[in-house]
Amino acid sequence: MRGDERNLGLRVTRREEPDLGKLIEWVLGIAEARHRAWVNGEPDPYGLPPPEDLASARH
């Protein structure tokens, strides 16, 4: 087992440009989770304050 551990390495894939589809999916997922929490009167799941436009709005 010890010999196998030495042969394991971290593989890194670098791209010229980021995967835009995954980035958009990630951002929309965060926005959806924050909105869902706001609508349900729950605290922000990321601990962020609400946008200025919503700070005084009721949910």
Protein backbone atom coordinates (compact mmCIF):
# COMPACT_ATOMS: atom_id res chain seq x y z
CA MET A 1 0.00 0.00 0.00
CA ARG A 2 2.78 2.43 0.84
CA GLY A 3 4.34 2.01 -2.60
CA ASP A 4 1.02 2.81 -4.27
CA GLU A 5 0.62 6.01 -2.26
CA ARG A 6 3.87 7.38 -3.67
CA ASN A 7 2.60 6.85 -7.21
CA LEU A 8 -0.60 8.80 -6.61
CA GLY A 9 -0.43 12.39 -7.74
CA LEU A 10 -2.74 15.32 -8.11
CA ARG A 11 -3.88 15.77 -11.67
CA VAL A 12 -4.59 19.31 -12.75
CA THR A 13 -6.31 20.27 -15.95
CA ARG A 14 -5.83 23.83 -17.09
CA ARG A 15 -7.89 25.49 -19.74
CA GLU A 16 -7.36 28.61 -21.75
CA GLU A 17 -10.92 29.70 -20.95
CA PRO A 18 -13.23 28.64 -18.09
CA ASP A 19 -16.17 26.32 -18.71
CA LEU A 20 -18.83 29.01 -19.03
CA GLY A 21 -21.72 26.56 -18.70
CA LYS A 22 -20.50 25.26 -15.35
CA LEU A 23 -19.80 28.77 -14.12
CA ILE A 24 -23.34 29.89 -15.01
CA GLU A 25 -24.82 26.77 -13.38
CA TRP A 26 -22.82 27.47 -10.20
CA VAL A 27 -23.86 31.14 -10.01
CA LEU A 28 -27.53 30.37 -10.68
CA GLY A 29 -27.47 27.63 -8.02
CA ILE A 30 -26.17 30.10 -5.44
CA ALA A 31 -28.75 32.70 -6.46
CA GLU A 32 -31.56 30.15 -6.25
CA ALA A 33 -30.49 28.96 -2.78
CA ARG A 34 -30.27 32.53 -1.51
CA HIS A 35 -33.67 33.45 -2.99
CA ARG A 36 -35.33 30.33 -1.59
CA ALA A 37 -33.99 31.14 1.88
CA TRP A 38 -35.12 34.77 1.61
CA VAL A 39 -38.65 33.77 0.52
CA ASN A 40 -38.90 31.28 3.40
CA GLY A 41 -37.67 33.87 5.93
CA GLU A 42 -34.52 31.85 6.62
CA PRO A 43 -31.01 33.25 7.01
CA ASP A 44 -28.82 33.46 3.93
CA PRO A 45 -27.14 30.06 3.45
CA TYR A 46 -23.86 31.80 2.58
CA GLY A 47 -24.02 34.37 5.38
CA LEU A 48 -24.25 37.25 2.92
CA PRO A 49 -26.42 40.34 3.38
CA PRO A 50 -29.35 40.78 1.00
CA PRO A 51 -28.84 43.03 -2.03
CA GLU A 52 -29.51 46.71 -1.34
CA ASP A 53 -32.73 46.54 -3.37
CA LEU A 54 -34.11 43.81 -1.08
CA ALA A 55 -32.69 44.97 2.25
CA SER A 56 -35.87 46.86 3.13
CA ALA A 57 -38.30 44.63 1.20
CA ARG A 58 -40.56 42.23 3.00
CA HIS A 59 -40.65 38.58 2.07
